[in-house]
Amino acid sequence: MARRTVIAAAASLAAVLAVTGCSSGTGNDGGDADSGDLRVWLMQDSVSEDAVAWLEDEFAAQNPGSTLTVEMQPWDDIVSRLQTSLASESETPDIVEIGNTKTATFANVGALADISDLYDEVDGDDLIPSFVDQATLDGKTYAYPLYAGTSVVFYRTDLLEKAGIAAPETLDDLVAAAATVQQANPDGVEGFKGIYFPVVDVHGLEGWLFSHGANYAEEKDGAWVSGLDTPEAKAALEQMQTIWQGSALGALDAKETAGNPWVPYNNGEVAMFSYRVFAQDSISPELADVTGVMALPPVEAGGESHQFLGGSNVGIAAKSSQQELAKKAMKLILSEDFMTQLAEDSGWVPGNTTFASAIPDGIVDAELQQQIAETSALTPAAPNWAIVEGNNIPVDLYSAIAKGEDIDEVVTRIGAKIEATLNGD
């Protein structure tokens, strides 16, 4: 979700680590009551009103004498509100939605209950694997996937055809296609570029790293070690640098401009762009019939790519006094009925990808979104990762590469910053 500034991120994490009485993550021992009133925090625009109504009504029907109330929360300052509420037995919601990359932080400080015992009951093998991995620490699972939003590559089929280019099957093909279609400039547009490729779209760029089998860091012997000074990471960065140095539009665009990548696409200024699926709703109707879509290509033809997947997990607060009742609600949230309605109404990939076929088809079909979700990857599940993002270290990495700086020097410098931040040095 939204990155924080360095000060806000550091303050947020420090406050999370100050949560008292939440060290074990085993859940409040007083949670054996047969009935009670549950409070569920979901985020604005995550779940439709109809899905919320079904959840509240179905829970009440299945648990006579008990109620479930969904309280919709705005994303602004949600970390601060979670810190305050999860630390208090009197204020804590019983179930919370948490952004997928924030889950490890809250789980690490014991703010979430261990709900590993629900895995089989919620068909854990059918849940988005990268989200489950992100929420699992030391063999214990503290949250399960609620929904995800995928990213895809949109491209002008007519322009590629005029330039004699087939749809890219590998990342090398994509690099070459961007250069070739730019050189051909089939419609003779002044300033035409192959692809819109801004460095601030960090999560979109991370798919290149992940697809090469790299990540920013990995944990070894109790310490976090940079994953950037590796052949795999450097290969990904070399490909991106080739694009930025030759066929990219908007490399250093501000976040506000980069958040509307369909604008240059609709204006005919680029042949391709990569963004979240909802961008399909902003593509000009005149271009709908000549717009193709694909997952980020893999390194080798016929292989798998691994893209970052934004979204949320859902877990039980460790301080909830209604642990067993909350588990019943969790099973409803992850049920076929709720997951299907979530997908139908909101267009998200449901946490259980078995029900992804319910996603309404647009330019991007449900099957492609399901495939992307099932092969997705995430940033390191490190407690201090929020500070790395808050300090804009990933943006600094890609900005330096886009400006043509030496890759070996960049990965050494940025890798050292990541290690120091993740290890609290």
Protein backbone atom coordinates (compact mmCIF):
# COMPACT_ATOMS: atom_id res chain seq x y z
CA MET A 1 0.00 0.00 0.00
CA ALA A 2 1.06 3.65 0.16
CA ARG A 3 4.69 4.26 1.18
CA ARG A 4 5.32 6.55 4.13
CA THR A 5 7.99 9.20 4.43
CA VAL A 6 11.11 8.26 6.35
CA ILE A 7 9.98 10.05 9.50
CA ALA A 8 6.47 8.63 9.45
CA ALA A 9 7.68 5.13 8.64
CA ALA A 10 10.29 5.13 11.38
CA ALA A 11 7.84 6.52 13.91
CA SER A 12 5.20 4.01 12.88
CA LEU A 13 7.54 1.07 13.26
CA ALA A 14 8.87 2.31 16.58
CA ALA A 15 5.33 2.57 17.88
CA VAL A 16 4.51 -0.94 16.66
CA LEU A 17 7.55 -2.32 18.45
CA ALA A 18 6.36 -0.59 21.61
CA VAL A 19 3.10 -2.57 21.66
CA THR A 20 3.01 -4.11 25.11
CA GLY A 21 1.81 -7.51 26.13
CA CYS A 22 1.85 -8.82 22.55
CA SER A 23 5.02 -10.85 22.53
CA SER A 24 3.73 -14.37 22.03
CA GLY A 25 1.08 -13.96 19.35
CA THR A 26 -0.82 -16.87 20.86
CA GLY A 27 -4.03 -14.94 21.41
CA ASN A 28 -5.87 -13.77 24.51
CA ASP A 29 -6.42 -16.73 26.84
CA GLY A 30 -9.95 -15.58 27.64
CA GLY A 31 -11.31 -16.42 24.21
CA ASP A 32 -13.48 -19.48 24.78
CA ALA A 33 -16.94 -17.85 25.04
CA ASP A 34 -19.65 -19.41 22.88
CA SER A 35 -21.21 -16.06 22.03
CA GLY A 36 -20.15 -12.44 21.80
CA ASP A 37 -19.88 -9.40 19.60
CA LEU A 38 -17.08 -9.28 17.04
CA ARG A 39 -15.62 -6.14 15.50
CA VAL A 40 -13.98 -6.53 12.11
CA TRP A 41 -11.83 -3.81 10.58
CA LEU A 42 -11.83 -3.82 6.77
CA MET A 43 -10.42 -1.10 4.57
CA GLN A 44 -12.41 1.31 2.44
CA ASP A 45 -13.01 0.04 -1.09
CA SER A 46 -11.76 -3.45 -0.20
CA VAL A 47 -15.12 -5.19 0.06
CA SER A 48 -18.54 -4.28 -1.32
CA GLU A 49 -21.52 -3.34 0.84
CA ASP A 50 -23.31 -6.49 -0.31
CA ALA A 51 -20.41 -8.69 0.75
CA VAL A 52 -20.27 -6.97 4.13
CA ALA A 53 -24.02 -7.44 4.62
CA TRP A 54 -23.73 -11.14 3.75
CA LEU A 55 -20.88 -11.61 6.23
CA GLU A 56 -22.71 -9.90 9.07
CA ASP A 57 -25.99 -11.73 8.42
CA GLU A 58 -24.43 -15.16 7.86
CA PHE A 59 -22.32 -14.93 10.98
CA ALA A 60 -25.36 -14.02 13.08
CA ALA A 61 -27.36 -16.88 11.55
CA GLN A 62 -24.62 -19.43 12.22
CA ASN A 63 -23.88 -18.14 15.71
CA PRO A 64 -27.15 -17.35 17.54
CA GLY A 65 -26.66 -14.73 20.22
CA SER A 66 -23.54 -13.34 18.57
CA THR A 67 -23.01 -10.43 16.22
CA LEU A 68 -20.35 -9.36 13.78
CA THR A 69 -19.94 -5.71 12.86
CA VAL A 70 -17.69 -4.57 10.03
CA GLU A 71 -16.10 -1.17 10.62
CA MET A 72 -14.68 0.30 7.40
CA GLN A 73 -11.37 2.10 7.87
CA PRO A 74 -9.70 4.73 5.66
CA TRP A 75 -6.16 3.91 4.52
CA ASP A 76 -4.79 7.22 5.76
CA ASP A 77 -2.97 6.71 9.07
CA ILE A 78 -4.14 3.11 9.34
CA VAL A 79 -0.76 2.01 10.71
CA SER A 80 -1.08 4.46 13.61
CA ARG A 81 -4.63 3.37 14.34
CA LEU A 82 -3.67 -0.30 14.28
CA GLN A 83 -0.77 0.34 16.65
CA THR A 84 -3.01 2.07 19.15
CA SER A 85 -5.94 -0.33 18.89
CA LEU A 86 -4.09 -3.64 18.75
CA ALA A 87 -2.20 -2.73 21.91
CA SER A 88 -5.38 -2.35 23.95
CA GLU A 89 -7.67 -5.17 25.09
CA SER A 90 -10.53 -2.70 25.40
CA GLU A 91 -10.05 -1.03 22.01
CA THR A 92 -8.79 -3.79 19.75
CA PRO A 93 -10.92 -5.04 16.89
CA ASP A 94 -11.16 -8.82 16.82
CA ILE A 95 -10.25 -9.26 13.16
CA VAL A 96 -8.17 -6.87 11.06
CA GLU A 97 -7.28 -6.38 7.42
CA ILE A 98 -3.59 -5.51 7.02
CA GLY A 99 -1.65 -4.67 3.86
CA ASN A 100 0.33 -7.70 2.76
CA THR A 101 3.78 -6.12 3.15
CA LYS A 102 2.91 -4.82 6.63
CA THR A 103 1.75 -8.19 7.97
CA ALA A 104 5.20 -9.45 8.94
CA THR A 105 5.82 -6.36 11.04
CA PHE A 106 2.67 -6.80 13.11
CA ALA A 107 3.14 -10.55 13.38
CA ASN A 108 6.74 -10.14 14.49
CA VAL A 109 5.78 -8.02 17.51
CA GLY A 110 2.99 -10.39 18.53
CA ALA A 111 0.06 -8.16 17.59
CA LEU A 112 -1.58 -11.00 15.64
CA ALA A 113 -2.68 -14.38 16.95
CA ASP A 114 -1.20 -17.62 15.65
CA ILE A 115 -3.93 -19.11 13.46
CA SER A 116 -1.93 -21.93 11.93
CA ASP A 117 -4.61 -24.39 13.06
CA LEU A 118 -7.03 -22.88 10.54
CA TYR A 119 -4.86 -23.71 7.53
CA ASP A 120 -6.61 -26.90 6.47
CA GLU A 121 -10.08 -25.60 7.35
CA VAL A 122 -9.67 -22.59 5.05
CA ASP A 123 -8.14 -24.65 2.21
CA GLY A 124 -4.71 -23.18 2.77
CA ASP A 125 -3.19 -24.89 -0.26
CA ASP A 126 -5.55 -22.86 -2.47
CA LEU A 127 -4.63 -19.49 -0.96
CA ILE A 128 -2.25 -17.03 -2.66
CA PRO A 129 1.12 -18.64 -1.82
CA SER A 130 3.19 -15.44 -1.60
CA PHE A 131 0.73 -13.91 0.87
CA VAL A 132 0.75 -16.98 3.10
CA ASP A 133 4.55 -17.00 3.04
CA GLN A 134 4.64 -13.32 4.00
CA ALA A 135 2.39 -13.99 7.01
CA THR A 136 4.29 -17.06 8.22
CA LEU A 137 7.10 -16.60 10.73
CA ASP A 138 9.07 -19.43 12.31
CA GLY A 139 6.58 -21.96 10.98
CA LYS A 140 3.51 -20.20 12.40
CA THR A 141 0.89 -18.45 10.27
CA TYR A 142 -0.61 -15.20 11.57
CA ALA A 143 -2.88 -14.11 8.71
CA TYR A 144 -4.43 -15.37 5.48
CA PRO A 145 -4.92 -13.69 2.08
CA LEU A 146 -8.05 -11.58 1.68
CA TYR A 147 -7.59 -10.23 -1.85
CA ALA A 148 -4.97 -9.07 -4.32
CA GLY A 149 -4.65 -6.72 -7.26
CA THR A 150 -2.51 -7.84 -10.19
CA SER A 151 -0.33 -5.89 -12.62
CA VAL A 152 -0.12 -6.59 -16.34
CA VAL A 153 1.57 -5.27 -19.46
CA PHE A 154 -0.75 -3.44 -21.86
CA TYR A 155 0.45 -3.07 -25.45
CA ARG A 156 -0.73 -1.80 -28.84
CA THR A 157 -1.20 -4.87 -31.00
CA ASP A 158 -1.52 -2.74 -34.14
CA LEU A 159 1.75 -0.90 -33.59
CA LEU A 160 3.69 -4.06 -32.84
CA GLU A 161 2.22 -5.70 -35.93
CA LYS A 162 3.17 -2.74 -38.14
CA ALA A 163 6.69 -2.92 -36.72
CA GLY A 164 6.86 -6.66 -37.44
CA ILE A 165 7.02 -7.63 -33.78
CA ALA A 166 5.35 -10.63 -32.15
CA ALA A 167 4.07 -10.39 -28.59
CA PRO A 168 7.14 -10.71 -26.31
CA GLU A 169 7.68 -14.16 -24.81
CA THR A 170 10.66 -13.29 -22.62
CA LEU A 171 12.02 -10.24 -20.82
CA ASP A 172 14.72 -9.94 -23.48
CA ASP A 173 11.95 -9.93 -26.09
CA LEU A 174 10.22 -7.12 -24.21
CA VAL A 175 13.40 -5.04 -24.12
CA ALA A 176 13.90 -5.60 -27.85
CA ALA A 177 10.25 -4.92 -28.68
CA ALA A 178 10.35 -1.55 -26.92
CA ALA A 179 13.40 -0.52 -28.93
CA THR A 180 12.13 -1.86 -32.27
CA VAL A 181 8.65 -0.35 -32.11
CA GLN A 182 10.16 2.98 -31.05
CA GLN A 183 12.50 2.98 -34.02
CA ALA A 184 9.67 2.03 -36.37
CA ASN A 185 7.29 4.64 -34.92
CA PRO A 186 4.48 3.27 -37.14
CA ASP A 187 2.12 6.24 -36.69
CA GLY A 188 4.83 8.89 -36.96
CA VAL A 189 4.17 10.41 -33.53
CA GLU A 190 6.68 13.07 -32.49
CA GLY A 191 8.67 12.00 -29.42
CA PHE A 192 7.28 8.47 -29.59
CA LYS A 193 8.77 5.95 -27.13
CA GLY A 194 8.52 2.20 -26.84
CA ILE A 195 7.23 1.96 -23.27
CA TYR A 196 6.15 4.10 -20.33
CA PHE A 197 8.56 3.02 -17.57
CA PRO A 198 8.70 5.29 -14.46
CA VAL A 199 11.10 4.47 -11.64
CA VAL A 200 8.52 5.37 -8.98
CA ASP A 201 6.37 2.40 -9.99
CA VAL A 202 8.54 0.31 -7.71
CA HIS A 203 6.18 -2.63 -7.37
CA GLY A 204 5.87 -2.93 -11.13
CA LEU A 205 9.65 -2.97 -11.52
CA GLU A 206 10.11 -5.55 -8.80
CA GLY A 207 8.70 -8.19 -11.13
CA TRP A 208 11.93 -7.98 -13.13
CA LEU A 209 13.98 -8.76 -10.02
CA PHE A 210 11.67 -11.52 -8.83
CA SER A 211 11.43 -13.15 -12.25
CA HIS A 212 15.21 -13.47 -12.34
CA GLY A 213 15.07 -15.20 -8.96
CA ALA A 214 16.39 -12.19 -7.05
CA ASN A 215 15.06 -10.07 -4.20
CA TYR A 216 16.27 -7.07 -2.24
CA ALA A 217 17.48 -9.16 0.68
CA GLU A 218 17.33 -12.56 2.32
CA GLU A 219 17.80 -13.73 5.88
CA LYS A 220 20.93 -15.77 6.61
CA ASP A 221 22.02 -16.94 10.06
CA GLY A 222 19.75 -14.44 11.80
CA ALA A 223 20.84 -11.40 9.77
CA TRP A 224 19.51 -9.78 6.61
CA VAL A 225 21.89 -9.82 3.65
CA SER A 226 21.50 -7.81 0.45
CA GLY A 227 20.30 -9.77 -2.55
CA LEU A 228 21.24 -7.09 -5.07
CA ASP A 229 24.91 -7.96 -5.59
CA THR A 230 24.05 -11.19 -7.40
CA PRO A 231 24.16 -12.20 -11.07
CA GLU A 232 20.37 -12.56 -11.09
CA ALA A 233 19.66 -9.09 -9.71
CA LYS A 234 22.25 -7.48 -11.95
CA ALA A 235 20.79 -9.17 -15.03
CA ALA A 236 17.39 -7.69 -14.21
CA LEU A 237 18.84 -4.23 -13.59
CA GLU A 238 20.82 -4.38 -16.84
CA GLN A 239 17.63 -5.08 -18.78
CA MET A 240 15.82 -2.21 -17.10
CA GLN A 241 18.75 0.13 -17.66
CA THR A 242 18.72 -0.72 -21.37
CA ILE A 243 15.08 0.36 -21.54
CA TRP A 244 15.62 3.54 -19.53
CA GLN A 245 18.62 4.54 -21.59
CA GLY A 246 16.93 4.01 -24.93
CA SER A 247 13.21 3.41 -25.23
CA ALA A 248 11.46 4.63 -22.08
CA LEU A 249 9.16 7.56 -21.58
CA GLY A 250 8.76 9.13 -18.15
CA ALA A 251 11.65 7.43 -16.38
CA LEU A 252 11.87 10.15 -13.73
CA ASP A 253 8.23 11.24 -13.71
CA ALA A 254 6.73 12.24 -10.37
CA LYS A 255 4.47 9.81 -8.55
CA GLU A 256 1.34 11.77 -9.45
CA THR A 257 2.10 11.60 -13.18
CA ALA A 258 3.25 7.99 -13.06
CA GLY A 259 -0.05 7.05 -11.45
CA ASN A 260 -1.83 7.75 -14.74
CA PRO A 261 0.20 5.70 -17.24
CA TRP A 262 -2.74 5.34 -19.60
CA VAL A 263 -2.51 9.04 -20.48
CA PRO A 264 0.58 8.77 -22.73
CA TYR A 265 -0.76 5.43 -23.99
CA ASN A 266 -4.09 6.95 -25.00
CA ASN A 267 -2.23 9.87 -26.59
CA GLY A 268 -0.24 7.51 -28.81
CA GLU A 269 3.05 8.50 -27.18
CA VAL A 270 4.00 4.92 -26.20
CA ALA A 271 3.26 1.41 -27.42
CA MET A 272 3.32 -0.27 -24.00
CA PHE A 273 2.91 0.31 -20.30
CA SER A 274 2.70 -1.85 -17.20
CA TYR A 275 0.26 -1.16 -14.39
CA ARG A 276 -2.43 -2.51 -12.14
CA VAL A 277 -5.39 -4.18 -13.81
CA PHE A 278 -7.77 -1.33 -13.05
CA ALA A 279 -5.93 0.71 -15.69
CA GLN A 280 -8.06 -1.15 -18.24
CA ASP A 281 -10.99 1.06 -17.25
CA SER A 282 -9.08 4.18 -18.34
CA ILE A 283 -7.89 2.98 -21.75
CA SER A 284 -9.56 4.92 -24.54
CA PRO A 285 -12.51 3.05 -26.11
CA GLU A 286 -10.93 3.73 -29.50
CA LEU A 287 -7.91 1.67 -28.46
CA ALA A 288 -9.73 -1.19 -26.74
CA ASP A 289 -9.76 -3.40 -29.83
CA VAL A 290 -6.05 -2.88 -30.50
CA THR A 291 -4.89 -3.33 -26.91
CA GLY A 292 -3.30 -6.61 -25.94
CA VAL A 293 -2.46 -7.67 -22.42
CA MET A 294 0.00 -10.11 -20.92
CA ALA A 295 1.75 -10.96 -17.70
CA LEU A 296 5.28 -9.69 -17.38
CA PRO A 297 7.20 -12.19 -19.55
CA PRO A 298 9.52 -14.75 -17.92
CA VAL A 299 13.28 -14.92 -18.31
CA GLU A 300 13.06 -18.03 -20.49
CA ALA A 301 10.29 -18.78 -22.99
CA GLY A 302 7.74 -21.11 -21.48
CA GLY A 303 8.86 -20.35 -17.94
CA GLU A 304 7.14 -18.43 -15.16
CA SER A 305 7.46 -14.79 -14.24
CA HIS A 306 7.00 -13.62 -10.69
CA GLN A 307 5.34 -10.26 -10.17
CA PHE A 308 4.75 -8.23 -7.04
CA LEU A 309 1.16 -8.54 -5.90
CA GLY A 310 -0.46 -5.79 -3.88
CA GLY A 311 -3.32 -6.58 -1.57
CA SER A 312 -4.29 -7.47 1.97
CA ASN A 313 -4.23 -10.23 4.51
CA VAL A 314 -6.73 -10.75 7.31
CA GLY A 315 -5.88 -11.94 10.80
CA ILE A 316 -7.08 -12.15 14.39
CA ALA A 317 -5.83 -9.63 16.94
CA ALA A 318 -3.77 -11.27 19.67
CA LYS A 319 -5.58 -9.19 22.31
CA SER A 320 -9.07 -10.16 21.14
CA SER A 321 -11.04 -11.79 23.93
CA GLN A 322 -13.07 -13.73 21.34
CA GLN A 323 -10.44 -16.00 19.77
CA GLU A 324 -12.64 -19.00 19.00
CA LEU A 325 -15.53 -16.89 17.76
CA ALA A 326 -13.12 -14.91 15.59
CA LYS A 327 -11.90 -18.16 14.03
CA LYS A 328 -15.48 -18.94 13.02
CA ALA A 329 -15.67 -15.54 11.34
CA MET A 330 -12.35 -16.15 9.59
CA LYS A 331 -13.73 -19.32 8.07
CA LEU A 332 -16.68 -17.35 6.70
CA ILE A 333 -14.42 -14.64 5.30
CA LEU A 334 -12.38 -17.27 3.47
CA SER A 335 -15.43 -19.26 2.37
CA GLU A 336 -16.52 -19.76 -1.23
CA ASP A 337 -19.57 -17.51 -0.79
CA PHE A 338 -17.63 -14.53 0.53
CA MET A 339 -14.61 -14.95 -1.73
CA THR A 340 -16.84 -15.24 -4.80
CA GLN A 341 -18.84 -12.15 -3.94
CA LEU A 342 -15.66 -10.20 -3.23
CA ALA A 343 -14.32 -11.10 -6.68
CA GLU A 344 -17.60 -10.38 -8.47
CA ASP A 345 -18.25 -7.03 -6.82
CA SER A 346 -14.75 -5.61 -6.40
CA GLY A 347 -12.82 -7.26 -9.21
CA TRP A 348 -10.03 -8.33 -6.86
CA VAL A 349 -8.31 -11.68 -7.09
CA PRO A 350 -9.79 -13.45 -4.05
CA GLY A 351 -7.46 -14.79 -1.38
CA ASN A 352 -8.54 -18.27 -2.42
CA THR A 353 -7.62 -18.30 -6.11
CA THR A 354 -9.96 -21.23 -6.78
CA PHE A 355 -12.74 -18.66 -6.99
CA ALA A 356 -10.91 -16.21 -9.29
CA SER A 357 -13.19 -17.16 -12.19
CA ALA A 358 -15.78 -14.87 -10.58
CA ILE A 359 -13.72 -11.80 -11.54
CA PRO A 360 -15.61 -9.87 -14.26
CA ASP A 361 -13.83 -10.00 -17.61
CA GLY A 362 -12.56 -6.82 -19.20
CA ILE A 363 -9.51 -6.28 -21.37
CA VAL A 364 -7.81 -8.44 -18.74
CA ASP A 365 -9.47 -11.80 -18.16
CA ALA A 366 -9.86 -13.66 -14.88
CA GLU A 367 -7.66 -16.60 -15.89
CA LEU A 368 -4.63 -14.36 -16.48
CA GLN A 369 -5.13 -12.63 -13.14
CA GLN A 370 -5.35 -15.97 -11.36
CA GLN A 371 -2.14 -17.15 -13.00
CA ILE A 372 -0.28 -13.98 -11.98
CA ALA A 373 -1.50 -14.30 -8.39
CA GLU A 374 -0.47 -17.92 -8.08
CA THR A 375 3.09 -17.23 -9.27
CA SER A 376 3.55 -13.90 -7.47
CA ALA A 377 6.37 -12.93 -5.13
CA LEU A 378 6.74 -10.27 -2.45
CA THR A 379 9.38 -8.09 -0.85
CA PRO A 380 11.34 -9.47 2.14
CA ALA A 381 9.21 -10.43 5.15
CA ALA A 382 11.41 -8.35 7.42
CA PRO A 383 10.08 -6.34 10.38
CA ASN A 384 11.99 -3.25 9.21
CA TRP A 385 10.95 -3.46 5.57
CA ALA A 386 8.48 -0.60 6.11
CA ILE A 387 11.45 1.65 6.89
CA VAL A 388 13.24 0.59 3.71
CA GLU A 389 10.19 1.61 1.69
CA GLY A 390 9.61 4.73 3.80
CA ASN A 391 13.17 5.86 3.11
CA ASN A 392 12.49 5.39 -0.62
CA ILE A 393 15.51 3.12 -0.92
CA PRO A 394 13.95 1.08 -3.77
CA VAL A 395 13.18 4.31 -5.65
CA ASP A 396 16.80 5.40 -5.14
CA LEU A 397 17.94 2.07 -6.60
CA TYR A 398 15.90 2.37 -9.77
CA SER A 399 16.58 6.09 -10.17
CA ALA A 400 20.32 5.50 -10.13
CA ILE A 401 20.01 2.70 -12.68
CA ALA A 402 17.77 4.84 -14.90
CA LYS A 403 20.33 7.65 -14.85
CA GLY A 404 22.96 5.28 -16.20
CA GLU A 405 25.06 4.85 -13.07
CA ASP A 406 27.38 1.85 -12.85
CA ILE A 407 25.32 -1.15 -11.74
CA ASP A 408 28.08 -2.69 -9.60
CA GLU A 409 28.52 0.56 -7.67
CA VAL A 410 24.78 1.05 -7.27
CA VAL A 411 24.04 -2.42 -5.90
CA THR A 412 26.93 -2.11 -3.44
CA ARG A 413 25.73 1.27 -2.17
CA ILE A 414 22.02 0.47 -2.05
CA GLY A 415 22.61 -3.03 -0.73
CA ALA A 416 24.53 -1.62 2.22
CA LYS A 417 21.63 0.73 3.02
CA ILE A 418 19.14 -2.13 2.89
CA GLU A 419 21.26 -4.32 5.16
CA ALA A 420 21.78 -1.54 7.70
CA THR A 421 18.08 -0.73 7.77
CA LEU A 422 16.81 -4.29 8.02
CA ASN A 423 19.33 -5.19 10.71
CA GLY A 424 18.69 -2.03 12.72
CA ASP A 425 22.29 -0.84 12.44
